[in-house]
Amino acid sequence: MGVFHWLLQLNSNKPEKRKMPIVRKIKRRAILINVSLIFVSTIMALVMSEIALRLIGYSPMYVSPERDHFWQYDPLLGWAHEPGQQGVFETQQFRTVVRINDKGLRDRLHSYERPDDTERILVLGDSFAWGYGVEEPERFSQLLEKSMDVEVINAGVSGYSTDQELLWYENEGIKYETDLVILEVAGNDIGDNSQQLVSSIYYKPRFVLENGQLILKGSPVPKTNAQGRLTYSLSQRSALAYFLVQRYFDVLSLYGRTKSNSDQASPPAATGSSHVTEPFKLTIALIHEISEMAKSRNAKFVIVTTDEWWNSPSTETYEDFIDELRTEGFLVIDVPSMPGFDPEEMLIQGDGHWSKAGHEFVAAKIKAFIETNHLLTLAE
């Protein structure tokens, strides 16, 4: 009886053992189909989003070729020119030749010591000073040198903000014996001075104001990690990726402004320039520092401005900024407001930097300003 019962039970279990592998296969196939459908749907959604964004005018992130050709990582400044580098800098709008001297400047090599009976000008600034889109001899610095019979050292670096220009001047620029320092300020400096990551990948130093004092943060400047490099690479190739990265940083910026407004709910500590509008305080404090450093070296100080890419995170305008610079006592050459300035002729169309004609205009205005204000003795 026991053996019979065992055989009966064995026979009854056989069909179930045959069915189990079939059930598992069906379930596994269903899971694979669902995963595949999700994957294909996601890819299609991404492709359609990419197409839609491009149709309505969005594009991948533009990366200026000079970043890859002439920049290198710098722990103090974020990036700097690679000494001795040279090559062709070409975009859709222009083709120029660039050479970097052994001290990392787009200029001929200058000694630190001033030659006898020669007055010197040092130019600090970003791509406008660097000569973005024009040949080296066509820049306002070289035109000024030729027309005034002075020596002009051009220390412009594309992408630099006022904070980087301050640090370069403090660590390298003061080694040059100069009679006049010209600081070129572009419209995007206002917003960029409060940032530590620009163009989604390039880290830079950043100052903050604490009790009226400039405090350097993020030094040494961190290198971009693998995730940052991947994001940067995708942003160059995909309008969708770049769009999402921009929205991410918009949210971070909004959070930062909200937090800042909350922190400033109580009366702020005195900063030495109590009438300066809040969005301009940091930039003007940086400019004051450069000015005082120049004065300590017995050099005069002038600011040359352009409103291109104005990015103040507030309702204040470029004109408000110029007014506050002048209220602070700075000598300012406001290029866009100068009589005779013609954007159609003096800006590279489709780009926004000063053209060859623009540099000629700026050089002439600086020369006249120097002579009118008696900023150099030999030039009088």
Protein backbone atom coordinates (compact mmCIF):
# COMPACT_ATOMS: atom_id res chain seq x y z
CA MET A 1 0.00 0.00 0.00
CA GLY A 2 2.85 2.37 0.84
CA VAL A 3 4.68 1.69 -2.43
CA PHE A 4 1.49 2.24 -4.45
CA HIS A 5 0.80 5.54 -2.72
CA TRP A 6 4.35 6.68 -3.39
CA LEU A 7 4.10 5.82 -7.12
CA LEU A 8 0.75 7.63 -7.36
CA GLN A 9 2.21 10.75 -5.76
CA LEU A 10 5.27 10.61 -8.03
CA ASN A 11 3.11 10.43 -11.14
CA SER A 12 0.92 13.30 -9.99
CA ASN A 13 3.99 15.57 -9.49
CA LYS A 14 5.50 15.02 -12.96
CA PRO A 15 3.19 17.41 -14.93
CA GLU A 16 3.89 20.25 -12.43
CA LYS A 17 7.66 19.86 -12.91
CA ARG A 18 7.21 20.10 -16.67
CA LYS A 19 5.03 23.23 -16.39
CA MET A 20 7.35 25.30 -14.11
CA PRO A 21 10.13 25.96 -16.69
CA ILE A 22 7.50 27.06 -19.21
CA VAL A 23 5.94 29.51 -16.73
CA ARG A 24 9.34 30.96 -15.89
CA LYS A 25 10.17 31.42 -19.57
CA ILE A 26 6.89 33.20 -20.18
CA LYS A 27 7.45 35.53 -17.22
CA ARG A 28 11.04 36.19 -18.24
CA ARG A 29 9.95 36.95 -21.81
CA ALA A 30 7.26 39.32 -20.56
CA ILE A 31 9.81 41.19 -18.42
CA LEU A 32 12.22 41.47 -21.35
CA ILE A 33 9.46 42.76 -23.62
CA ASN A 34 8.41 45.36 -21.04
CA VAL A 35 11.99 46.51 -20.47
CA SER A 36 12.55 46.71 -24.22
CA LEU A 37 9.37 48.74 -24.68
CA ILE A 38 10.42 51.13 -21.92
CA PHE A 39 13.91 51.47 -23.43
CA VAL A 40 12.62 52.07 -26.97
CA SER A 41 9.97 54.53 -25.72
CA THR A 42 12.59 56.45 -23.74
CA ILE A 43 14.92 56.64 -26.72
CA MET A 44 12.08 57.81 -28.96
CA ALA A 45 11.04 60.43 -26.41
CA LEU A 46 14.63 61.71 -26.16
CA VAL A 47 14.99 61.84 -29.95
CA MET A 48 11.67 63.65 -30.36
CA SER A 49 12.61 66.11 -27.61
CA GLU A 50 15.95 66.75 -29.29
CA ILE A 51 14.25 67.38 -32.64
CA ALA A 52 11.60 69.62 -31.07
CA LEU A 53 14.16 71.76 -29.25
CA ARG A 54 16.23 72.24 -32.38
CA LEU A 55 13.13 73.16 -34.40
CA ILE A 56 12.20 75.92 -31.96
CA GLY A 57 15.71 77.35 -31.98
CA TYR A 58 17.69 75.61 -29.23
CA SER A 59 21.12 74.25 -30.08
CA PRO A 60 23.96 72.37 -28.36
CA MET A 61 26.43 74.37 -26.30
CA TYR A 62 28.92 76.31 -28.38
CA VAL A 63 32.50 75.84 -27.25
CA SER A 64 34.98 78.40 -28.47
CA PRO A 65 37.96 76.64 -30.10
CA GLU A 66 40.52 78.74 -28.22
CA ARG A 67 39.65 76.87 -25.02
CA ASP A 68 40.93 73.60 -26.44
CA HIS A 69 43.86 75.11 -28.32
CA PHE A 70 45.38 77.59 -25.89
CA TRP A 71 44.13 76.96 -22.34
CA GLN A 72 45.47 74.79 -19.57
CA TYR A 73 44.32 74.13 -16.00
CA ASP A 74 45.61 76.58 -13.41
CA PRO A 75 45.07 75.94 -9.67
CA LEU A 76 44.88 79.66 -8.85
CA LEU A 77 42.95 81.05 -11.82
CA GLY A 78 41.00 78.03 -13.06
CA TRP A 79 42.60 78.24 -16.49
CA ALA A 80 45.44 80.15 -18.11
CA HIS A 81 47.22 80.30 -21.43
CA GLU A 82 49.66 77.52 -22.13
CA PRO A 83 53.05 79.26 -22.48
CA GLY A 84 54.60 78.96 -25.93
CA GLN A 85 51.41 77.66 -27.55
CA GLN A 86 50.53 78.90 -31.04
CA GLY A 87 48.07 78.05 -33.75
CA VAL A 88 45.05 79.12 -35.77
CA PHE A 89 41.85 80.26 -34.03
CA GLU A 90 38.95 79.88 -36.45
CA THR A 91 35.16 80.20 -36.23
CA GLN A 92 32.41 80.82 -38.81
CA GLN A 93 33.03 84.57 -38.50
CA PHE A 94 36.84 84.82 -38.63
CA ARG A 95 40.22 83.14 -38.88
CA THR A 96 43.11 84.48 -36.79
CA VAL A 97 46.60 83.41 -35.76
CA VAL A 98 47.34 83.22 -32.03
CA ARG A 99 50.71 82.93 -30.32
CA ILE A 100 51.24 82.80 -26.57
CA ASN A 101 54.55 84.02 -25.18
CA ASP A 102 56.67 82.27 -22.57
CA LYS A 103 54.89 84.13 -19.75
CA GLY A 104 51.45 83.03 -20.87
CA LEU A 105 50.32 86.23 -22.60
CA ARG A 106 49.06 86.76 -26.13
CA ASP A 107 51.73 89.35 -26.75
CA ARG A 108 55.41 89.71 -27.48
CA LEU A 109 57.67 89.01 -24.52
CA HIS A 110 58.06 91.93 -22.12
CA SER A 111 60.62 92.27 -19.34
CA TYR A 112 59.39 92.98 -15.83
CA GLU A 113 61.67 96.01 -15.61
CA ARG A 114 60.56 99.14 -17.42
CA PRO A 115 62.99 100.36 -20.10
CA ASP A 116 64.47 103.79 -19.52
CA ASP A 117 62.47 106.77 -20.88
CA THR A 118 59.51 104.52 -21.73
CA GLU A 119 56.07 104.68 -20.16
CA ARG A 120 54.12 101.49 -19.76
CA ILE A 121 50.46 100.50 -19.84
CA LEU A 122 49.15 97.17 -18.55
CA VAL A 123 45.83 95.94 -19.95
CA LEU A 124 43.73 93.52 -17.87
CA GLY A 125 40.55 91.98 -19.22
CA ASP A 126 38.74 89.14 -20.92
CA SER A 127 38.17 88.24 -24.58
CA PHE A 128 37.66 91.89 -25.62
CA ALA A 129 41.15 92.73 -24.36
CA TRP A 130 42.56 89.40 -25.60
CA GLY A 131 41.49 90.32 -29.13
CA TYR A 132 38.82 87.72 -29.87
CA GLY A 133 38.35 87.66 -33.63
CA VAL A 134 41.17 90.02 -34.64
CA GLU A 135 44.86 89.60 -35.29
CA GLU A 136 47.33 90.55 -32.57
CA PRO A 137 48.50 93.84 -34.21
CA GLU A 138 44.85 94.89 -34.73
CA ARG A 139 44.00 95.00 -31.01
CA PHE A 140 43.43 98.33 -29.28
CA SER A 141 46.45 97.68 -27.04
CA GLN A 142 48.84 97.44 -29.97
CA LEU A 143 47.20 100.36 -31.78
CA LEU A 144 47.56 102.44 -28.62
CA GLU A 145 51.20 101.46 -28.32
CA LYS A 146 51.90 102.54 -31.89
CA SER A 147 49.99 105.83 -31.77
CA MET A 148 51.30 106.99 -28.37
CA ASP A 149 54.86 105.70 -28.49
CA VAL A 150 54.43 103.82 -25.21
CA GLU A 151 54.84 100.16 -24.27
CA VAL A 152 51.59 98.26 -23.78
CA ILE A 153 51.45 94.84 -22.12
CA ASN A 154 48.26 92.94 -22.99
CA ALA A 155 47.31 90.47 -20.23
CA GLY A 156 43.78 89.73 -21.48
CA VAL A 157 42.52 86.14 -21.22
CA SER A 158 39.25 84.97 -22.77
CA GLY A 159 36.57 84.12 -20.24
CA TYR A 160 38.22 85.84 -17.29
CA SER A 161 36.10 87.70 -14.76
CA THR A 162 37.21 90.56 -12.52
CA ASP A 163 38.18 88.12 -9.74
CA GLN A 164 40.61 86.23 -11.97
CA GLU A 165 42.05 89.49 -13.28
CA LEU A 166 42.62 90.63 -9.68
CA LEU A 167 44.42 87.40 -8.79
CA TRP A 168 46.59 87.49 -11.91
CA TYR A 169 47.53 91.12 -11.26
CA GLU A 170 48.31 90.38 -7.62
CA ASN A 171 50.51 87.37 -8.40
CA GLU A 172 52.06 88.26 -11.76
CA GLY A 173 50.99 91.66 -13.08
CA ILE A 174 52.55 93.74 -10.32
CA LYS A 175 55.94 92.39 -11.36
CA TYR A 176 55.71 94.62 -14.41
CA GLU A 177 56.66 98.23 -13.71
CA THR A 178 53.75 100.14 -15.24
CA ASP A 179 52.49 103.73 -15.21
CA LEU A 180 48.86 103.01 -16.09
CA VAL A 181 46.56 100.01 -15.61
CA ILE A 182 43.56 99.67 -17.92
CA LEU A 183 40.88 97.24 -16.74
CA GLU A 184 38.42 96.13 -19.42
CA VAL A 185 35.05 95.09 -17.96
CA ALA A 186 32.38 93.28 -20.01
CA GLY A 187 28.68 92.99 -19.18
CA ASN A 188 28.90 89.36 -18.15
CA ASP A 189 31.47 90.07 -15.43
CA ILE A 190 28.76 91.14 -12.99
CA GLY A 191 27.10 87.73 -12.87
CA ASP A 192 30.24 85.66 -13.44
CA ASN A 193 32.04 87.20 -10.46
CA SER A 194 29.60 85.38 -8.18
CA GLN A 195 29.99 82.03 -9.97
CA GLN A 196 32.50 79.26 -9.40
CA LEU A 197 31.51 77.10 -12.38
CA VAL A 198 31.16 78.66 -15.83
CA SER A 199 30.22 77.11 -19.19
CA SER A 200 29.11 73.98 -17.30
CA ILE A 201 32.69 72.74 -16.81
CA TYR A 202 35.30 75.42 -16.06
CA TYR A 203 35.84 76.05 -12.38
CA LYS A 204 37.19 79.42 -11.32
CA PRO A 205 38.09 81.13 -8.05
CA ARG A 206 35.40 83.18 -6.33
CA PHE A 207 35.47 85.94 -3.75
CA VAL A 208 32.77 86.70 -1.21
CA LEU A 209 32.30 89.83 0.88
CA GLU A 210 32.37 89.23 4.61
CA ASN A 211 32.14 92.32 6.82
CA GLY A 212 33.39 94.41 3.93
CA GLN A 213 36.42 92.19 3.28
CA LEU A 214 37.09 90.15 0.14
CA ILE A 215 37.50 86.47 1.08
CA LEU A 216 38.77 84.01 -1.53
CA LYS A 217 36.83 80.73 -1.78
CA GLY A 218 37.50 77.52 -3.69
CA SER A 219 41.26 77.81 -3.82
CA PRO A 220 43.03 75.87 -5.18
CA VAL A 221 40.47 75.67 -7.97
CA PRO A 222 39.16 72.09 -8.33
CA LYS A 223 39.61 70.15 -11.53
CA THR A 224 36.49 69.00 -13.33
CA ASN A 225 35.54 65.41 -12.41
CA ALA A 226 34.49 62.65 -14.83
CA GLN A 227 30.79 63.44 -14.41
CA GLY A 228 31.43 67.10 -15.26
CA ARG A 229 33.44 66.19 -18.35
CA LEU A 230 30.66 63.84 -19.52
CA THR A 231 28.02 66.54 -19.01
CA TYR A 232 30.21 69.01 -20.90
CA SER A 233 30.70 66.56 -23.78
CA LEU A 234 26.97 65.78 -24.04
CA SER A 235 26.08 69.48 -23.89
CA GLN A 236 28.29 70.12 -26.93
CA ARG A 237 26.45 67.46 -28.94
CA SER A 238 22.86 67.61 -27.73
CA ALA A 239 20.44 70.53 -27.49
CA LEU A 240 18.39 68.53 -24.98
CA ALA A 241 21.37 67.84 -22.73
CA TYR A 242 22.41 71.49 -22.84
CA PHE A 243 18.83 72.62 -22.16
CA LEU A 244 18.58 70.36 -19.11
CA VAL A 245 21.98 71.50 -17.81
CA GLN A 246 20.92 75.14 -18.16
CA ARG A 247 17.67 74.50 -16.29
CA TYR A 248 19.62 72.75 -13.53
CA PHE A 249 21.88 75.75 -13.07
CA ASP A 250 18.88 78.09 -13.27
CA VAL A 251 17.36 76.25 -10.31
CA LEU A 252 20.65 76.43 -8.39
CA SER A 253 20.92 80.14 -9.15
CA LEU A 254 17.34 80.76 -8.04
CA TYR A 255 17.99 78.85 -4.83
CA GLY A 256 21.14 80.84 -4.24
CA ARG A 257 19.35 84.18 -4.73
CA THR A 258 16.49 83.09 -2.48
CA LYS A 259 18.93 82.04 0.23
CA SER A 260 20.87 85.27 -0.17
CA ASN A 261 17.72 87.35 0.17
CA SER A 262 16.79 85.40 3.28
CA ASP A 263 20.24 85.93 4.78
CA GLN A 264 19.96 89.66 4.11
CA ALA A 265 16.61 90.05 5.85
CA SER A 266 18.42 91.78 8.70
CA PRO A 267 20.47 94.96 8.03
CA PRO A 268 23.83 93.99 6.45
CA ALA A 269 27.15 94.88 7.97
CA ALA A 270 28.82 98.00 6.64
CA THR A 271 30.97 97.32 3.58
CA GLY A 272 32.61 100.68 3.08
CA SER A 273 30.37 101.52 0.07
CA SER A 274 26.92 101.55 1.63
CA HIS A 275 25.28 103.27 -1.34
CA VAL A 276 26.41 100.62 -3.84
CA THR A 277 23.55 98.49 -5.14
CA GLU A 278 23.73 94.92 -3.82
CA PRO A 279 24.30 93.15 -7.19
CA PHE A 280 27.29 95.43 -7.88
CA LYS A 281 28.97 95.31 -4.46
CA LEU A 282 31.22 92.34 -5.18
CA THR A 283 32.35 93.55 -8.61
CA ILE A 284 33.03 97.08 -7.38
CA ALA A 285 34.92 95.72 -4.35
CA LEU A 286 37.11 93.69 -6.73
CA ILE A 287 37.72 96.75 -8.90
CA HIS A 288 38.60 98.79 -5.81
CA GLU A 289 41.18 96.15 -4.89
CA ILE A 290 42.81 96.29 -8.34
CA SER A 291 42.76 100.10 -8.23
CA GLU A 292 44.42 100.23 -4.81
CA MET A 293 47.02 97.71 -5.91
CA ALA A 294 47.83 99.85 -8.96
CA LYS A 295 48.04 102.95 -6.79
CA SER A 296 50.47 101.18 -4.46
CA ARG A 297 52.71 100.67 -7.50
CA ASN A 298 52.41 104.36 -8.47
CA ALA A 299 50.22 103.53 -11.46
CA LYS A 300 47.08 105.36 -12.60
CA PHE A 301 43.89 103.37 -13.16
CA VAL A 302 41.20 103.49 -15.87
CA ILE A 303 38.21 101.25 -16.62
CA VAL A 304 37.02 100.51 -20.18
CA THR A 305 33.54 98.97 -20.35
CA THR A 306 31.22 97.25 -22.79
CA ASP A 307 27.61 96.18 -22.22
CA GLU A 308 27.91 92.96 -24.22
CA TRP A 309 26.33 89.90 -22.50
CA TRP A 310 25.01 91.88 -19.55
CA ASN A 311 24.02 89.25 -16.96
CA SER A 312 23.34 91.01 -13.67
CA PRO A 313 20.97 88.77 -11.62
CA SER A 314 18.73 91.75 -10.80
CA THR A 315 16.70 94.54 -12.35
CA GLU A 316 19.64 96.96 -12.33
CA THR A 317 20.93 97.93 -15.76
CA TYR A 318 24.31 98.41 -17.35
CA GLU A 319 23.75 102.16 -17.13
CA ASP A 320 23.16 101.80 -13.37
CA PHE A 321 26.50 100.01 -13.09
CA ILE A 322 28.33 102.75 -14.98
CA ASP A 323 26.74 105.40 -12.77
CA GLU A 324 27.90 103.59 -9.64
CA LEU A 325 31.45 103.19 -10.96
CA ARG A 326 31.63 106.92 -11.54
CA THR A 327 30.04 107.66 -8.17
CA GLU A 328 32.83 105.57 -6.62
CA GLY A 329 35.32 107.92 -8.27
CA PHE A 330 36.63 105.66 -11.03
CA LEU A 331 37.68 106.99 -14.43
CA VAL A 332 35.42 105.16 -16.89
CA ILE A 333 35.46 104.93 -20.68
CA ASP A 334 31.99 103.60 -21.53
CA VAL A 335 32.50 102.39 -25.10
CA PRO A 336 28.84 101.83 -26.18
CA SER A 337 27.85 105.37 -25.16
CA MET A 338 30.72 107.05 -26.99
CA PRO A 339 29.69 109.29 -29.91
CA GLY A 340 30.42 107.54 -33.17
CA PHE A 341 30.23 103.98 -31.86
CA ASP A 342 28.45 101.93 -34.52
CA PRO A 343 27.62 98.32 -33.48
CA GLU A 344 27.00 97.31 -37.09
CA GLU A 345 30.53 98.21 -38.06
CA MET A 346 32.41 97.87 -34.80
CA LEU A 347 31.16 94.50 -33.56
CA ILE A 348 31.82 91.18 -35.29
CA GLN A 349 28.42 90.28 -36.68
CA GLY A 350 27.06 87.03 -35.31
CA ASP A 351 29.62 87.17 -32.52
CA GLY A 352 29.53 90.42 -30.53
CA HIS A 353 33.22 91.11 -29.90
CA TRP A 354 34.92 94.24 -31.17
CA SER A 355 35.87 94.03 -34.82
CA LYS A 356 39.02 95.55 -36.34
CA ALA A 357 37.12 98.82 -36.66
CA GLY A 358 35.90 98.47 -33.09
CA HIS A 359 39.45 98.13 -31.76
CA GLU A 360 40.50 101.17 -33.78
CA PHE A 361 37.63 103.14 -32.25
CA VAL A 362 38.47 102.00 -28.70
CA ALA A 363 42.17 102.78 -29.16
CA ALA A 364 41.38 106.31 -30.35
CA LYS A 365 39.03 106.95 -27.41
CA ILE A 366 41.53 105.64 -24.85
CA LYS A 367 44.31 107.78 -26.36
CA ALA A 368 42.14 110.91 -26.19
CA PHE A 369 41.09 110.07 -22.61
CA ILE A 370 44.69 109.59 -21.47
CA GLU A 371 45.73 112.89 -23.00
CA THR A 372 42.72 114.82 -21.67
CA ASN A 373 43.19 113.49 -18.12
CA HIS A 374 47.01 113.73 -18.19
CA LEU A 375 47.45 110.09 -17.19
CA LEU A 376 50.89 109.78 -18.77
CA THR A 377 53.60 112.42 -18.78
CA LEU A 378 55.54 111.56 -21.93
CA ALA A 379 52.31 111.28 -23.92
CA GLU A 380 51.30 114.88 -23.20
